[in-house]
Amino acid sequence: MKIAIGICEKINGICTTMGCFRAYNNKEKHFSQYKNIDTEIMSFFTCDICSKNTKENIINIAEKLKENGVDKLHLGVCIVKCEANRLDEIKEIFESKGIQIIEGTH
């Protein structure tokens, strides 16, 4: 199964993202559903929908993920608790491409 992880660009320089990778590597927390499934991280990207005030970049990312067979997108807590209140909008972009959203990584 091909998965991706999305995080908020505002955590750049604050978060090491080790929590996301540790949870993935150990198949725990929100990645525990993959305990007996072979997975591959296809993408680890940052969302810039609020700072750019446009959906264009996220739409392009969603299209590239779909083209490359990504099945599920895990949104980091930094996006789940989006300060700009755009979580539903972000989710809809990826869901419209047939990518399942999981809210959380670790």
PDB file of N, CA and C in Angstrom:
ATOM      1  N   MET A   1       0.839  -1.167   0.000  1.00  0.00           N
ATOM      2  CA  MET A   1       0.000   0.000   0.000  1.00  0.00           C
ATOM      3  C   MET A   1       0.889   1.236   0.000  1.00  0.00           C
ATOM      4  N   LYS A   2       0.537   2.187  -0.820  1.00  0.00           N
ATOM      5  CA  LYS A   2       1.298   3.431  -0.926  1.00  0.00           C
ATOM      6  C   LYS A   2       0.615   4.516  -0.102  1.00  0.00           C
ATOM      7  N   ILE A   3       1.412   5.154   0.748  1.00  0.00           N
ATOM      8  CA  ILE A   3       0.854   6.206   1.599  1.00  0.00           C
ATOM      9  C   ILE A   3       1.701   7.469   1.490  1.00  0.00           C
ATOM     10  N   ALA A   4       1.104   8.572   1.938  1.00  0.00           N
ATOM     11  CA  ALA A   4       1.791   9.858   1.999  1.00  0.00           C
ATOM     12  C   ALA A   4       1.502  10.480   3.357  1.00  0.00           C
ATOM     13  N   ILE A   5       2.369  11.411   3.729  1.00  0.00           N
ATOM     14  CA  ILE A   5       2.189  12.156   4.976  1.00  0.00           C
ATOM     15  C   ILE A   5       2.248  13.631   4.633  1.00  0.00           C
ATOM     16  N   GLY A   6       1.289  14.380   5.117  1.00  0.00           N
ATOM     17  CA  GLY A   6       1.260  15.824   4.914  1.00  0.00           C
ATOM     18  C   GLY A   6       1.363  16.539   6.243  1.00  0.00           C
ATOM     19  N   ILE A   7       2.188  17.584   6.266  1.00  0.00           N
ATOM     20  CA  ILE A   7       2.358  18.391   7.476  1.00  0.00           C
ATOM     21  C   ILE A   7       2.203  19.865   7.113  1.00  0.00           C
ATOM     22  N   CYS A   8       2.028  20.695   8.113  1.00  0.00           N
ATOM     23  CA  CYS A   8       1.864  22.138   7.934  1.00  0.00           C
ATOM     24  C   CYS A   8       3.233  22.798   7.780  1.00  0.00           C
ATOM     25  N   GLU A   9       3.351  23.690   6.815  1.00  0.00           N
ATOM     26  CA  GLU A   9       4.624  24.376   6.602  1.00  0.00           C
ATOM     27  C   GLU A   9       5.031  25.237   7.795  1.00  0.00           C
ATOM     28  N   LYS A  10       4.064  25.624   8.624  1.00  0.00           N
ATOM     29  CA  LYS A  10       4.363  26.503   9.761  1.00  0.00           C
ATOM     30  C   LYS A  10       5.190  25.821  10.847  1.00  0.00           C
ATOM     31  N   ILE A  11       5.320  24.491  10.791  1.00  0.00           N
ATOM     32  CA  ILE A  11       6.135  23.800  11.793  1.00  0.00           C
ATOM     33  C   ILE A  11       7.592  23.664  11.364  1.00  0.00           C
ATOM     34  N   ASN A  12       7.889  24.137  10.154  1.00  0.00           N
ATOM     35  CA  ASN A  12       9.264  24.077   9.663  1.00  0.00           C
ATOM     36  C   ASN A  12      10.198  24.802  10.635  1.00  0.00           C
ATOM     37  N   GLY A  13      11.241  24.117  11.048  1.00  0.00           N
ATOM     38  CA  GLY A  13      12.175  24.698  12.000  1.00  0.00           C
ATOM     39  C   GLY A  13      11.775  24.505  13.447  1.00  0.00           C
ATOM     40  N   ILE A  14      10.586  23.971  13.680  1.00  0.00           N
ATOM     41  CA  ILE A  14      10.089  23.728  15.038  1.00  0.00           C
ATOM     42  C   ILE A  14      10.009  22.227  15.310  1.00  0.00           C
ATOM     43  N   CYS A  15       9.462  21.514  14.354  1.00  0.00           N
ATOM     44  CA  CYS A  15       9.229  20.072  14.499  1.00  0.00           C
ATOM     45  C   CYS A  15      10.284  19.299  13.722  1.00  0.00           C
ATOM     46  N   THR A  16      10.797  18.242  14.322  1.00  0.00           N
ATOM     47  CA  THR A  16      11.781  17.394  13.638  1.00  0.00           C
ATOM     48  C   THR A  16      11.118  16.385  12.708  1.00  0.00           C
ATOM     49  N   THR A  17       9.846  16.174  12.840  1.00  0.00           N
ATOM     50  CA  THR A  17       9.043  15.159  12.141  1.00  0.00           C
ATOM     51  C   THR A  17       9.431  13.735  12.537  1.00  0.00           C
ATOM     52  N   MET A  18      10.278  13.601  13.548  1.00  0.00           N
ATOM     53  CA  MET A  18      10.664  12.257  13.999  1.00  0.00           C
ATOM     54  C   MET A  18       9.479  11.481  14.552  1.00  0.00           C
ATOM     55  N   GLY A  19       8.518  12.170  15.153  1.00  0.00           N
ATOM     56  CA  GLY A  19       7.340  11.482  15.676  1.00  0.00           C
ATOM     57  C   GLY A  19       6.572  10.782  14.572  1.00  0.00           C
ATOM     58  N   CYS A  20       6.418  11.459  13.433  1.00  0.00           N
ATOM     59  CA  CYS A  20       5.727  10.851  12.284  1.00  0.00           C
ATOM     60  C   CYS A  20       6.482   9.620  11.799  1.00  0.00           C
ATOM     61  N   PHE A  21       7.794   9.769  11.624  1.00  0.00           N
ATOM     62  CA  PHE A  21       8.581   8.661  11.100  1.00  0.00           C
ATOM     63  C   PHE A  21       8.707   7.512  12.099  1.00  0.00           C
ATOM     64  N   ARG A  22       8.830   7.831  13.379  1.00  0.00           N
ATOM     65  CA  ARG A  22       8.907   6.775  14.391  1.00  0.00           C
ATOM     66  C   ARG A  22       7.612   5.967  14.397  1.00  0.00           C
ATOM     67  N   ALA A  23       6.486   6.650  14.381  1.00  0.00           N
ATOM     68  CA  ALA A  23       5.195   5.953  14.372  1.00  0.00           C
ATOM     69  C   ALA A  23       5.051   5.101  13.119  1.00  0.00           C
ATOM     70  N   TYR A  24       5.472   5.625  11.980  1.00  0.00           N
ATOM     71  CA  TYR A  24       5.406   4.846  10.737  1.00  0.00           C
ATOM     72  C   TYR A  24       6.334   3.629  10.811  1.00  0.00           C
ATOM     73  N   ASN A  25       7.584   3.851  11.171  1.00  0.00           N
ATOM     74  CA  ASN A  25       8.565   2.756  11.202  1.00  0.00           C
ATOM     75  C   ASN A  25       8.170   1.652  12.172  1.00  0.00           C
ATOM     76  N   ASN A  26       7.556   2.018  13.278  1.00  0.00           N
ATOM     77  CA  ASN A  26       7.134   1.038  14.286  1.00  0.00           C
ATOM     78  C   ASN A  26       5.704   0.556  14.073  1.00  0.00           C
ATOM     79  N   LYS A  27       5.061   1.081  13.055  1.00  0.00           N
ATOM     80  CA  LYS A  27       3.657   0.769  12.750  1.00  0.00           C
ATOM     81  C   LYS A  27       2.802   0.847  14.013  1.00  0.00           C
ATOM     82  N   GLU A  28       2.875   2.026  14.636  1.00  0.00           N
ATOM     83  CA  GLU A  28       2.086   2.275  15.839  1.00  0.00           C
ATOM     84  C   GLU A  28       1.253   3.534  15.656  1.00  0.00           C
ATOM     85  N   LYS A  29       0.442   3.789  16.665  1.00  0.00           N
ATOM     86  CA  LYS A  29      -0.481   4.929  16.666  1.00  0.00           C
ATOM     87  C   LYS A  29      -1.345   4.881  15.399  1.00  0.00           C
ATOM     88  N   HIS A  30      -1.391   5.955  14.618  1.00  0.00           N
ATOM     89  CA  HIS A  30      -2.271   5.975  13.439  1.00  0.00           C
ATOM     90  C   HIS A  30      -1.787   5.072  12.308  1.00  0.00           C
ATOM     91  N   PHE A  31      -0.575   4.550  12.422  1.00  0.00           N
ATOM     92  CA  PHE A  31      -0.053   3.622  11.416  1.00  0.00           C
ATOM     93  C   PHE A  31      -0.230   2.163  11.844  1.00  0.00           C
ATOM     94  N   SER A  32      -0.830   1.916  12.996  1.00  0.00           N
ATOM     95  CA  SER A  32      -1.000   0.543  13.482  1.00  0.00           C
ATOM     96  C   SER A  32      -1.895  -0.283  12.561  1.00  0.00           C
ATOM     97  N   GLN A  33      -2.715   0.372  11.773  1.00  0.00           N
ATOM     98  CA  GLN A  33      -3.582  -0.346  10.829  1.00  0.00           C
ATOM     99  C   GLN A  33      -2.783  -1.095   9.761  1.00  0.00           C
ATOM    100  N   TYR A  34      -1.495  -0.791   9.644  1.00  0.00           N
ATOM    101  CA  TYR A  34      -0.644  -1.431   8.643  1.00  0.00           C
ATOM    102  C   TYR A  34       0.249  -2.517   9.229  1.00  0.00           C
ATOM    103  N   LYS A  35      -0.032  -2.978  10.437  1.00  0.00           N
ATOM    104  CA  LYS A  35       0.830  -3.968  11.112  1.00  0.00           C
ATOM    105  C   LYS A  35       1.190  -5.143  10.213  1.00  0.00           C
ATOM    106  N   ASN A  36       0.242  -5.660   9.477  1.00  0.00           N
ATOM    107  CA  ASN A  36       0.476  -6.837   8.641  1.00  0.00           C
ATOM    108  C   ASN A  36       0.362  -6.522   7.151  1.00  0.00           C
ATOM    109  N   ILE A  37       0.625  -5.265   6.798  1.00  0.00           N
ATOM    110  CA  ILE A  37       0.509  -4.832   5.406  1.00  0.00           C
ATOM    111  C   ILE A  37       1.824  -4.183   4.995  1.00  0.00           C
ATOM    112  N   ASP A  38       2.311  -4.557   3.825  1.00  0.00           N
ATOM    113  CA  ASP A  38       3.498  -3.890   3.292  1.00  0.00           C
ATOM    114  C   ASP A  38       3.104  -2.485   2.841  1.00  0.00           C
ATOM    115  N   THR A  39       3.854  -1.498   3.312  1.00  0.00           N
ATOM    116  CA  THR A  39       3.570  -0.121   2.946  1.00  0.00           C
ATOM    117  C   THR A  39       4.831   0.553   2.426  1.00  0.00           C
ATOM    118  N   GLU A  40       4.597   1.619   1.715  1.00  0.00           N
ATOM    119  CA  GLU A  40       5.693   2.422   1.174  1.00  0.00           C
ATOM    120  C   GLU A  40       5.298   3.895   1.295  1.00  0.00           C
ATOM    121  N   ILE A  41       6.166   4.690   1.917  1.00  0.00           N
ATOM    122  CA  ILE A  41       5.913   6.135   1.948  1.00  0.00           C
ATOM    123  C   ILE A  41       6.333   6.688   0.596  1.00  0.00           C
ATOM    124  N   MET A  42       5.377   7.248  -0.104  1.00  0.00           N
ATOM    125  CA  MET A  42       5.628   7.798  -1.431  1.00  0.00           C
ATOM    126  C   MET A  42       5.928   9.293  -1.379  1.00  0.00           C
ATOM    127  N   SER A  43       5.437   9.958  -0.325  1.00  0.00           N
ATOM    128  CA  SER A  43       5.592  11.406  -0.263  1.00  0.00           C
ATOM    129  C   SER A  43       5.501  11.882   1.179  1.00  0.00           C
ATOM    130  N   PHE A  44       6.283  12.895   1.466  1.00  0.00           N
ATOM    131  CA  PHE A  44       6.217  13.610   2.740  1.00  0.00           C
ATOM    132  C   PHE A  44       6.278  15.077   2.349  1.00  0.00           C
ATOM    133  N   PHE A  45       5.134  15.754   2.434  1.00  0.00           N
ATOM    134  CA  PHE A  45       5.050  17.114   1.900  1.00  0.00           C
ATOM    135  C   PHE A  45       4.499  18.096   2.928  1.00  0.00           C
ATOM    136  N   THR A  46       4.703  19.362   2.630  1.00  0.00           N
ATOM    137  CA  THR A  46       4.155  20.422   3.485  1.00  0.00           C
ATOM    138  C   THR A  46       3.000  21.112   2.772  1.00  0.00           C
ATOM    139  N   CYS A  47       2.002  21.441   3.541  1.00  0.00           N
ATOM    140  CA  CYS A  47       0.831  22.168   3.057  1.00  0.00           C
ATOM    141  C   CYS A  47       1.093  23.666   3.214  1.00  0.00           C
ATOM    142  N   ASP A  48       0.799  24.416   2.157  1.00  0.00           N
ATOM    143  CA  ASP A  48       0.976  25.870   2.206  1.00  0.00           C
ATOM    144  C   ASP A  48      -0.294  26.622   1.830  1.00  0.00           C
ATOM    145  N   ILE A  49      -1.435  25.946   1.999  1.00  0.00           N
ATOM    146  CA  ILE A  49      -2.706  26.506   1.544  1.00  0.00           C
ATOM    147  C   ILE A  49      -3.038  27.847   2.222  1.00  0.00           C
ATOM    148  N   CYS A  50      -2.647  27.998   3.489  1.00  0.00           N
ATOM    149  CA  CYS A  50      -3.006  29.255   4.168  1.00  0.00           C
ATOM    150  C   CYS A  50      -1.998  30.367   3.888  1.00  0.00           C
ATOM    151  N   SER A  51      -0.719  30.053   3.811  1.00  0.00           N
ATOM    152  CA  SER A  51       0.261  31.118   3.573  1.00  0.00           C
ATOM    153  C   SER A  51       0.205  31.631   2.134  1.00  0.00           C
ATOM    154  N   LYS A  52      -0.094  30.761   1.195  1.00  0.00           N
ATOM    155  CA  LYS A  52      -0.195  31.180  -0.212  1.00  0.00           C
ATOM    156  C   LYS A  52      -1.606  31.661  -0.546  1.00  0.00           C
ATOM    157  N   ASN A  53      -2.558  31.326   0.321  1.00  0.00           N
ATOM    158  CA  ASN A  53      -3.969  31.655   0.136  1.00  0.00           C
ATOM    159  C   ASN A  53      -4.483  31.192  -1.235  1.00  0.00           C
ATOM    160  N   THR A  54      -4.025  30.001  -1.614  1.00  0.00           N
ATOM    161  CA  THR A  54      -4.482  29.384  -2.853  1.00  0.00           C
ATOM    162  C   THR A  54      -4.453  27.869  -2.681  1.00  0.00           C
ATOM    163  N   LYS A  55      -5.298  27.198  -3.418  1.00  0.00           N
ATOM    164  CA  LYS A  55      -5.356  25.737  -3.389  1.00  0.00           C
ATOM    165  C   LYS A  55      -4.454  25.109  -4.448  1.00  0.00           C
ATOM    166  N   GLU A  56      -3.892  25.915  -5.337  1.00  0.00           N
ATOM    167  CA  GLU A  56      -3.175  25.407  -6.512  1.00  0.00           C
ATOM    168  C   GLU A  56      -2.096  24.386  -6.168  1.00  0.00           C
ATOM    169  N   ASN A  57      -1.219  24.684  -5.217  1.00  0.00           N
ATOM    170  CA  ASN A  57      -0.132  23.760  -4.886  1.00  0.00           C
ATOM    171  C   ASN A  57      -0.665  22.445  -4.334  1.00  0.00           C
ATOM    172  N   ILE A  58      -1.649  22.520  -3.463  1.00  0.00           N
ATOM    173  CA  ILE A  58      -2.214  21.300  -2.865  1.00  0.00           C
ATOM    174  C   ILE A  58      -2.945  20.470  -3.910  1.00  0.00           C
ATOM    175  N   ILE A  59      -3.629  21.113  -4.822  1.00  0.00           N
ATOM    176  CA  ILE A  59      -4.291  20.382  -5.913  1.00  0.00           C
ATOM    177  C   ILE A  59      -3.244  19.658  -6.759  1.00  0.00           C
ATOM    178  N   ASN A  60      -2.152  20.324  -7.070  1.00  0.00           N
ATOM    179  CA  ASN A  60      -1.076  19.692  -7.838  1.00  0.00           C
ATOM    180  C   ASN A  60      -0.487  18.496  -7.099  1.00  0.00           C
ATOM    181  N   ILE A  61      -0.286  18.638  -5.790  1.00  0.00           N
ATOM    182  CA  ILE A  61       0.230  17.525  -4.987  1.00  0.00           C
ATOM    183  C   ILE A  61      -0.757  16.362  -5.006  1.00  0.00           C
ATOM    184  N   ALA A  62      -2.033  16.655  -4.808  1.00  0.00           N
ATOM    185  CA  ALA A  62      -3.055  15.608  -4.811  1.00  0.00           C
ATOM    186  C   ALA A  62      -3.057  14.861  -6.144  1.00  0.00           C
ATOM    187  N   GLU A  63      -2.944  15.579  -7.240  1.00  0.00           N
ATOM    188  CA  GLU A  63      -2.929  14.944  -8.561  1.00  0.00           C
ATOM    189  C   GLU A  63      -1.696  14.054  -8.738  1.00  0.00           C
ATOM    190  N   LYS A  64      -0.545  14.524  -8.284  1.00  0.00           N
ATOM    191  CA  LYS A  64       0.679  13.724  -8.400  1.00  0.00           C
ATOM    192  C   LYS A  64       0.618  12.478  -7.526  1.00  0.00           C
ATOM    193  N   LEU A  65       0.043  12.625  -6.323  1.00  0.00           N
ATOM    194  CA  LEU A  65      -0.096  11.456  -5.453  1.00  0.00           C
ATOM    195  C   LEU A  65      -0.978  10.408  -6.122  1.00  0.00           C
ATOM    196  N   LYS A  66      -2.099  10.848  -6.668  1.00  0.00           N
ATOM    197  CA  LYS A  66      -3.023   9.918  -7.316  1.00  0.00           C
ATOM    198  C   LYS A  66      -2.362   9.252  -8.522  1.00  0.00           C
ATOM    199  N   GLU A  67      -1.656  10.044  -9.335  1.00  0.00           N
ATOM    200  CA  GLU A  67      -0.971   9.499 -10.518  1.00  0.00           C
ATOM    201  C   GLU A  67       0.042   8.425 -10.141  1.00  0.00           C
ATOM    202  N   ASN A  68       0.589   8.529  -8.931  1.00  0.00           N
ATOM    203  CA  ASN A  68       1.613   7.585  -8.488  1.00  0.00           C
ATOM    204  C   ASN A  68       1.082   6.516  -7.548  1.00  0.00           C
ATOM    205  N   GLY A  69      -0.230   6.368  -7.519  1.00  0.00           N
ATOM    206  CA  GLY A  69      -0.849   5.248  -6.829  1.00  0.00           C
ATOM    207  C   GLY A  69      -0.972   5.363  -5.321  1.00  0.00           C
ATOM    208  N   VAL A  70      -0.902   6.564  -4.785  1.00  0.00           N
ATOM    209  CA  VAL A  70      -1.057   6.720  -3.336  1.00  0.00           C
ATOM    210  C   VAL A  70      -2.502   6.415  -2.955  1.00  0.00           C
ATOM    211  N   ASP A  71      -2.644   5.525  -1.966  1.00  0.00           N
ATOM    212  CA  ASP A  71      -3.965   5.096  -1.507  1.00  0.00           C
ATOM    213  C   ASP A  71      -4.480   5.928  -0.337  1.00  0.00           C
ATOM    214  N   LYS A  72      -3.554   6.249   0.592  1.00  0.00           N
ATOM    215  CA  LYS A  72      -3.958   6.923   1.825  1.00  0.00           C
ATOM    216  C   LYS A  72      -3.003   8.065   2.143  1.00  0.00           C
ATOM    217  N   LEU A  73      -3.588   9.121   2.703  1.00  0.00           N
ATOM    218  CA  LEU A  73      -2.823  10.282   3.143  1.00  0.00           C
ATOM    219  C   LEU A  73      -3.042  10.470   4.628  1.00  0.00           C
ATOM    220  N   HIS A  74      -1.948  10.448   5.368  1.00  0.00           N
ATOM    221  CA  HIS A  74      -1.994  10.752   6.792  1.00  0.00           C
ATOM    222  C   HIS A  74      -1.701  12.232   6.975  1.00  0.00           C
ATOM    223  N   LEU A  75      -2.598  12.924   7.647  1.00  0.00           N
ATOM    224  CA  LEU A  75      -2.388  14.337   7.948  1.00  0.00           C
ATOM    225  C   LEU A  75      -1.843  14.454   9.356  1.00  0.00           C
ATOM    226  N   GLY A  76      -0.718  15.137   9.488  1.00  0.00           N
ATOM    227  CA  GLY A  76      -0.137  15.362  10.807  1.00  0.00           C
ATOM    228  C   GLY A  76      -1.076  16.186  11.669  1.00  0.00           C
ATOM    229  N   VAL A  77      -0.894  16.096  12.972  1.00  0.00           N
ATOM    230  CA  VAL A  77      -1.737  16.849  13.898  1.00  0.00           C
ATOM    231  C   VAL A  77      -1.660  18.345  13.616  1.00  0.00           C
ATOM    232  N   CYS A  78      -0.541  18.798  13.057  1.00  0.00           N
ATOM    233  CA  CYS A  78      -0.387  20.213  12.715  1.00  0.00           C
ATOM    234  C   CYS A  78      -1.383  20.639  11.638  1.00  0.00           C
ATOM    235  N   ILE A  79      -1.803  19.715  10.787  1.00  0.00           N
ATOM    236  CA  ILE A  79      -2.851  20.033   9.800  1.00  0.00           C
ATOM    237  C   ILE A  79      -4.222  19.753  10.392  1.00  0.00           C
ATOM    238  N   VAL A  80      -4.335  18.676  11.144  1.00  0.00           N
ATOM    239  CA  VAL A  80      -5.625  18.334  11.755  1.00  0.00           C
ATOM    240  C   VAL A  80      -6.121  19.492  12.624  1.00  0.00           C
ATOM    241  N   LYS A  81      -5.190  20.172  13.277  1.00  0.00           N
ATOM    242  CA  LYS A  81      -5.547  21.332  14.107  1.00  0.00           C
ATOM    243  C   LYS A  81      -5.209  22.632  13.372  1.00  0.00           C
ATOM    244  N   CYS A  82      -5.490  22.671  12.096  1.00  0.00           N
ATOM    245  CA  CYS A  82      -5.161  23.801  11.220  1.00  0.00           C
ATOM    246  C   CYS A  82      -5.601  25.130  11.829  1.00  0.00           C
ATOM    247  N   GLU A  83      -4.615  25.989  12.049  1.00  0.00           N
ATOM    248  CA  GLU A  83      -4.892  27.307  12.636  1.00  0.00           C
ATOM    249  C   GLU A  83      -5.745  28.178  11.725  1.00  0.00           C
ATOM    250  N   ALA A  84      -5.669  27.937  10.433  1.00  0.00           N
ATOM    251  CA  ALA A  84      -6.434  28.736   9.471  1.00  0.00           C
ATOM    252  C   ALA A  84      -7.843  28.182   9.249  1.00  0.00           C
ATOM    253  N   ASN A  85      -8.188  27.112   9.971  1.00  0.00           N
ATOM    254  CA  ASN A  85      -9.523  26.508   9.857  1.00  0.00           C
ATOM    255  C   ASN A  85      -9.831  26.025   8.440  1.00  0.00           C
ATOM    256  N   ARG A  86      -8.855  25.405   7.787  1.00  0.00           N
ATOM    257  CA  ARG A  86      -9.048  24.957   6.406  1.00  0.00           C
ATOM    258  C   ARG A  86      -8.930  23.438   6.267  1.00  0.00           C
ATOM    259  N   LEU A  87      -9.046  22.720   7.383  1.00  0.00           N
ATOM    260  CA  LEU A  87      -8.920  21.261   7.350  1.00  0.00           C
ATOM    261  C   LEU A  87      -9.918  20.625   6.388  1.00  0.00           C
ATOM    262  N   ASP A  88     -11.179  20.994   6.467  1.00  0.00           N
ATOM    263  CA  ASP A  88     -12.187  20.382   5.603  1.00  0.00           C
ATOM    264  C   ASP A  88     -11.873  20.629   4.128  1.00  0.00           C
ATOM    265  N   GLU A  89     -11.400  21.810   3.829  1.00  0.00           N
ATOM    266  CA  GLU A  89     -11.027  22.165   2.459  1.00  0.00           C
ATOM    267  C   GLU A  89      -9.848  21.315   1.976  1.00  0.00           C
ATOM    268  N   ILE A  90      -8.853  21.138   2.831  1.00  0.00           N
ATOM    269  CA  ILE A  90      -7.682  20.324   2.502  1.00  0.00           C
ATOM    270  C   ILE A  90      -8.111  18.873   2.259  1.00  0.00           C
ATOM    271  N   LYS A  91      -8.920  18.337   3.169  1.00  0.00           N
ATOM    272  CA  LYS A  91      -9.384  16.956   3.036  1.00  0.00           C
ATOM    273  C   LYS A  91     -10.161  16.753   1.740  1.00  0.00           C
ATOM    274  N   GLU A  92     -11.026  17.697   1.406  1.00  0.00           N
ATOM    275  CA  GLU A  92     -11.872  17.572   0.215  1.00  0.00           C
ATOM    276  C   GLU A  92     -11.029  17.497  -1.056  1.00  0.00           C
ATOM    277  N   ILE A  93      -9.937  18.242  -1.099  1.00  0.00           N
ATOM    278  CA  ILE A  93      -9.070  18.227  -2.286  1.00  0.00           C
ATOM    279  C   ILE A  93      -8.534  16.819  -2.531  1.00  0.00           C
ATOM    280  N   PHE A  94      -8.034  16.182  -1.496  1.00  0.00           N
ATOM    281  CA  PHE A  94      -7.458  14.839  -1.652  1.00  0.00           C
ATOM    282  C   PHE A  94      -8.540  13.780  -1.837  1.00  0.00           C
ATOM    283  N   GLU A  95      -9.629  13.899  -1.101  1.00  0.00           N
ATOM    284  CA  GLU A  95     -10.722  12.929  -1.243  1.00  0.00           C
ATOM    285  C   GLU A  95     -11.326  12.983  -2.644  1.00  0.00           C
ATOM    286  N   SER A  96     -11.355  14.176  -3.254  1.00  0.00           N
ATOM    287  CA  SER A  96     -11.908  14.294  -4.609  1.00  0.00           C
ATOM    288  C   SER A  96     -11.058  13.540  -5.635  1.00  0.00           C
ATOM    289  N   LYS A  97      -9.820  13.224  -5.268  1.00  0.00           N
ATOM    290  CA  LYS A  97      -8.928  12.454  -6.142  1.00  0.00           C
ATOM    291  C   LYS A  97      -8.947  10.970  -5.789  1.00  0.00           C
ATOM    292  N   GLY A  98      -9.794  10.600  -4.817  1.00  0.00           N
ATOM    293  CA  GLY A  98      -9.915   9.195  -4.429  1.00  0.00           C
ATOM    294  C   GLY A  98      -8.880   8.737  -3.422  1.00  0.00           C
ATOM    295  N   ILE A  99      -8.266   9.688  -2.712  1.00  0.00           N
ATOM    296  CA  ILE A  99      -7.261   9.358  -1.707  1.00  0.00           C
ATOM    297  C   ILE A  99      -7.930   9.394  -0.333  1.00  0.00           C
ATOM    298  N   GLN A 100      -7.817   8.295   0.393  1.00  0.00           N
ATOM    299  CA  GLN A 100      -8.406   8.209   1.736  1.00  0.00           C
ATOM    300  C   GLN A 100      -7.578   9.033   2.713  1.00  0.00           C
ATOM    301  N   ILE A 101      -8.247   9.787   3.570  1.00  0.00           N
ATOM    302  CA  ILE A 101      -7.593  10.630   4.569  1.00  0.00           C
ATOM    303  C   ILE A 101      -7.633   9.963   5.932  1.00  0.00           C
ATOM    304  N   ILE A 102      -6.504   9.965   6.585  1.00  0.00           N
ATOM    305  CA  ILE A 102      -6.417   9.542   7.978  1.00  0.00           C
ATOM    306  C   ILE A 102      -5.917  10.748   8.765  1.00  0.00           C
ATOM    307  N   GLU A 103      -6.686  11.154   9.750  1.00  0.00           N
ATOM    308  CA  GLU A 103      -6.314  12.315  10.559  1.00  0.00           C
ATOM    309  C   GLU A 103      -5.359  11.878  11.663  1.00  0.00           C
ATOM    310  N   GLY A 104      -4.095  12.099  11.449  1.00  0.00           N
ATOM    311  CA  GLY A 104      -3.099  11.798  12.452  1.00  0.00           C
ATOM    312  C   GLY A 104      -1.980  10.897  11.959  1.00  0.00           C
ATOM    313  N   THR A 105      -0.866  11.025  12.652  1.00  0.00           N
ATOM    314  CA  THR A 105       0.290  10.175  12.418  1.00  0.00           C
ATOM    315  C   THR A 105       0.710   9.556  13.750  1.00  0.00           C
ATOM    316  N   HIS A 106       1.028  10.401  14.695  1.00  0.00           N
ATOM    317  CA  HIS A 106       1.480   9.932  16.002  1.00  0.00           C
ATOM    318  C   HIS A 106       0.701  10.593  17.112  1.00  0.00           C
TER     319      HIS A 106
END
